[in-house]
């Protein structure tokens, strides 16, 4: 039986050149093979863990993620504008302030006409500074837009699939702005 000797290879773990003893051998030693197995197993474990976490997320978790993506888009969309309530530009934190509250009008949670950049003092300390918010809102969406927001709406309870779509949509819109 006439076998050709195997050519030297470079170990894919440590980079040392070696002569393999088997045709498909890609590691120079057992130690390198074990190290490779540990690393590849951890990558596989992380991927499986990510999938498992996605499976056990509640609707509330998906709502938080969708809201975070939506709020980030609103802040980026309105980055050139001052606070809708007080009209100030400042170096402080800005929020995505809702004109009609989420608790009172959950169906308007992801309505872009209902949410605008608002400074933290107006949103937190002045409870939205609603009177001035309405004045600023009239300049941006007009009286008909305000009438729509203040009018009656069908109650809405978002499904997990809708929340996933909202999250993806606003992440894409944010990326397009940047």
Protein backbone atom coordinates (compact mmCIF):
# COMPACT_ATOMS: atom_id res chain seq x y z
CA UNK A 1 0.00 0.00 0.00
CA UNK A 2 1.57 3.24 -1.20
CA UNK A 3 0.43 6.29 0.81
CA UNK A 4 1.56 9.82 0.10
CA UNK A 5 2.85 11.61 3.18
CA UNK A 6 0.54 14.38 4.39
CA UNK A 7 1.63 17.97 3.79
CA UNK A 8 2.35 20.32 6.64
CA UNK A 9 -0.58 22.44 7.85
CA UNK A 10 -0.97 25.43 10.08
CA UNK A 11 -2.91 24.77 13.31
CA UNK A 12 -6.17 26.72 13.24
CA UNK A 13 -5.99 27.34 16.99
CA UNK A 14 -2.39 28.28 17.80
CA UNK A 15 -0.94 28.91 14.31
CA UNK A 16 2.00 26.46 14.64
CA UNK A 17 2.98 24.43 11.56
CA UNK A 18 2.62 20.68 12.03
CA UNK A 19 2.47 17.45 10.06
CA UNK A 20 -0.96 15.87 10.49
CA UNK A 21 -1.33 12.22 11.38
CA UNK A 22 -4.81 12.00 9.84
CA UNK A 23 -6.05 13.51 6.56
CA UNK A 24 -8.69 15.86 8.04
CA UNK A 25 -6.71 16.90 11.12
CA UNK A 26 -6.75 20.69 11.56
CA UNK A 27 -5.27 21.06 15.07
CA UNK A 28 -1.70 20.30 16.06
CA UNK A 29 -2.43 18.71 19.42
CA UNK A 30 -5.17 17.48 21.70
CA UNK A 31 -4.84 20.68 23.76
CA UNK A 32 -5.58 22.83 20.69
CA UNK A 33 -8.53 20.58 19.76
CA UNK A 34 -9.95 20.91 23.28
CA UNK A 35 -9.50 24.70 23.20
CA UNK A 36 -11.28 24.88 19.84
CA UNK A 37 -14.13 22.73 21.16
CA UNK A 38 -14.55 25.03 24.19
CA UNK A 39 -14.67 28.17 22.04
CA UNK A 40 -17.05 26.73 19.46
CA UNK A 41 -19.26 25.34 22.21
CA UNK A 42 -19.51 28.72 23.91
CA UNK A 43 -20.48 30.37 20.61
CA UNK A 44 -23.12 27.70 20.10
CA UNK A 45 -24.32 28.07 23.69
CA UNK A 46 -24.63 31.84 23.31
CA UNK A 47 -26.67 31.43 20.13
CA UNK A 48 -28.94 28.87 21.80
CA UNK A 49 -29.31 31.12 24.86
CA UNK A 50 -30.28 34.09 22.67
CA UNK A 51 -32.95 31.98 20.94
CA UNK A 52 -34.23 30.67 24.28
CA UNK A 53 -34.45 34.21 25.69
CA UNK A 54 -36.43 35.32 22.64
CA UNK A 55 -38.87 32.44 23.22
CA UNK A 56 -39.59 33.30 26.86
CA UNK A 57 -40.00 37.07 26.42
CA UNK A 58 -43.36 38.33 27.59
CA UNK A 59 -45.55 40.81 25.76
CA UNK A 60 -44.39 43.42 28.30
CA UNK A 61 -40.75 42.75 27.34
CA UNK A 62 -41.57 43.18 23.66
CA UNK A 63 -43.50 46.37 24.47
CA UNK A 64 -40.48 47.82 26.29
CA UNK A 65 -38.20 47.02 23.37
CA UNK A 66 -40.62 48.45 20.80
CA UNK A 67 -41.09 51.57 22.94
CA UNK A 68 -37.32 52.04 23.27
CA UNK A 69 -36.86 51.81 19.48
CA UNK A 70 -39.80 54.17 18.89
CA UNK A 71 -38.52 56.71 21.46
CA UNK A 72 -35.01 56.66 20.00
CA UNK A 73 -36.47 57.39 16.56
CA UNK A 74 -38.60 60.29 17.92
CA UNK A 75 -35.59 61.89 19.64
CA UNK A 76 -33.54 61.57 16.45
CA UNK A 77 -36.40 62.84 14.26
CA UNK A 78 -36.84 65.94 16.43
CA UNK A 79 -33.15 66.50 17.19
CA UNK A 80 -33.11 69.87 15.39
CA UNK A 81 -36.16 71.15 17.28
CA UNK A 82 -36.33 72.57 20.81
CA UNK A 83 -38.47 71.04 23.56
CA UNK A 84 -42.06 71.05 22.32
CA UNK A 85 -43.36 72.36 25.66
CA UNK A 86 -40.95 75.09 26.75
CA UNK A 87 -39.18 75.82 23.46
CA UNK A 88 -35.70 75.63 25.05
CA UNK A 89 -32.55 74.11 23.65
CA UNK A 90 -30.25 72.83 26.39
CA UNK A 91 -27.57 70.24 27.10
CA UNK A 92 -29.78 68.15 29.39
CA UNK A 93 -31.60 64.95 28.69
CA UNK A 94 -34.47 64.79 26.20
CA UNK A 95 -37.38 62.37 26.26
CA UNK A 96 -39.94 61.26 23.75
CA UNK A 97 -42.90 62.94 25.48
CA UNK A 98 -46.44 61.80 24.76
CA UNK A 99 -49.18 64.42 24.46
CA UNK A 100 -51.90 61.88 25.24
CA UNK A 101 -50.56 59.57 27.95
CA UNK A 102 -49.90 55.90 27.35
CA UNK A 103 -51.99 54.95 30.38
CA UNK A 104 -55.00 56.91 29.18
CA UNK A 105 -54.61 56.21 25.46
CA UNK A 106 -52.57 53.06 24.83
CA UNK A 107 -53.75 53.06 21.22
CA UNK A 108 -51.71 56.26 20.64
CA UNK A 109 -48.52 54.83 22.18
CA UNK A 110 -46.80 54.45 18.79
CA UNK A 111 -48.54 57.30 16.93
CA UNK A 112 -45.80 59.68 15.72
CA UNK A 113 -48.20 62.66 15.88
CA UNK A 114 -48.67 62.06 19.63
CA UNK A 115 -44.96 61.95 20.56
CA UNK A 116 -42.35 64.69 20.30
CA UNK A 117 -38.98 65.60 21.78
CA UNK A 118 -39.44 67.01 25.26
CA UNK A 119 -36.90 68.07 27.87
CA UNK A 120 -36.69 66.03 31.07
CA UNK A 121 -37.82 68.91 33.35
CA UNK A 122 -41.01 69.43 31.33
CA UNK A 123 -41.75 65.72 31.01
CA UNK A 124 -40.89 64.64 34.57
CA UNK A 125 -41.24 67.64 36.85
CA UNK A 126 -44.07 69.47 35.09
CA UNK A 127 -45.99 66.28 34.23
CA UNK A 128 -45.62 66.87 30.51
CA UNK A 129 -46.27 70.63 30.67
CA UNK A 130 -49.43 69.79 28.70
CA UNK A 131 -50.79 73.32 28.16
CA UNK A 132 -47.55 74.46 26.53
CA UNK A 133 -47.19 71.07 24.79
CA UNK A 134 -50.56 71.67 23.09
CA UNK A 135 -49.46 75.13 21.94
CA UNK A 136 -46.24 73.70 20.48
CA UNK A 137 -48.14 70.78 18.98
CA UNK A 138 -50.46 73.08 17.08
CA UNK A 139 -47.45 74.50 15.26
CA UNK A 140 -46.24 71.04 14.26
CA UNK A 141 -49.35 69.02 13.41
CA UNK A 142 -52.07 71.68 13.21
CA UNK A 143 -55.54 71.87 14.73
CA UNK A 144 -56.88 68.90 12.77
CA UNK A 145 -54.04 66.72 14.09
CA UNK A 146 -54.78 67.80 17.66
CA UNK A 147 -58.49 67.12 17.15
CA UNK A 148 -57.61 63.63 15.95
CA UNK A 149 -55.43 62.98 19.01
CA UNK A 150 -58.07 64.32 21.41
CA UNK A 151 -60.92 62.46 19.69
CA UNK A 152 -62.19 58.97 20.44
CA UNK A 153 -60.11 55.97 19.38
CA UNK A 154 -60.61 52.25 19.19
CA UNK A 155 -58.88 50.49 22.09
CA UNK A 156 -55.74 48.68 20.98
CA UNK A 157 -53.84 45.80 22.53
CA UNK A 158 -50.70 45.05 20.54
CA UNK A 159 -49.78 41.45 19.80
CA UNK A 160 -46.21 40.22 20.13
CA UNK A 161 -45.90 40.02 16.35
CA UNK A 162 -47.09 43.63 15.98
CA UNK A 163 -44.59 44.73 18.64
CA UNK A 164 -41.76 42.92 16.83
CA UNK A 165 -42.75 44.66 13.61
CA UNK A 166 -42.91 48.06 15.34
CA UNK A 167 -39.46 47.52 16.84
CA UNK A 168 -37.96 46.56 13.47
CA UNK A 169 -39.71 49.43 11.68
CA UNK A 170 -38.44 52.10 14.05
CA UNK A 171 -34.93 50.67 14.17
CA UNK A 172 -34.88 50.89 10.37
CA UNK A 173 -36.30 54.43 10.40
CA UNK A 174 -33.64 55.46 12.96
CA UNK A 175 -30.89 53.97 10.82
CA UNK A 176 -32.23 55.84 7.79
CA UNK A 177 -32.09 59.13 9.72
CA UNK A 178 -28.45 58.61 10.72
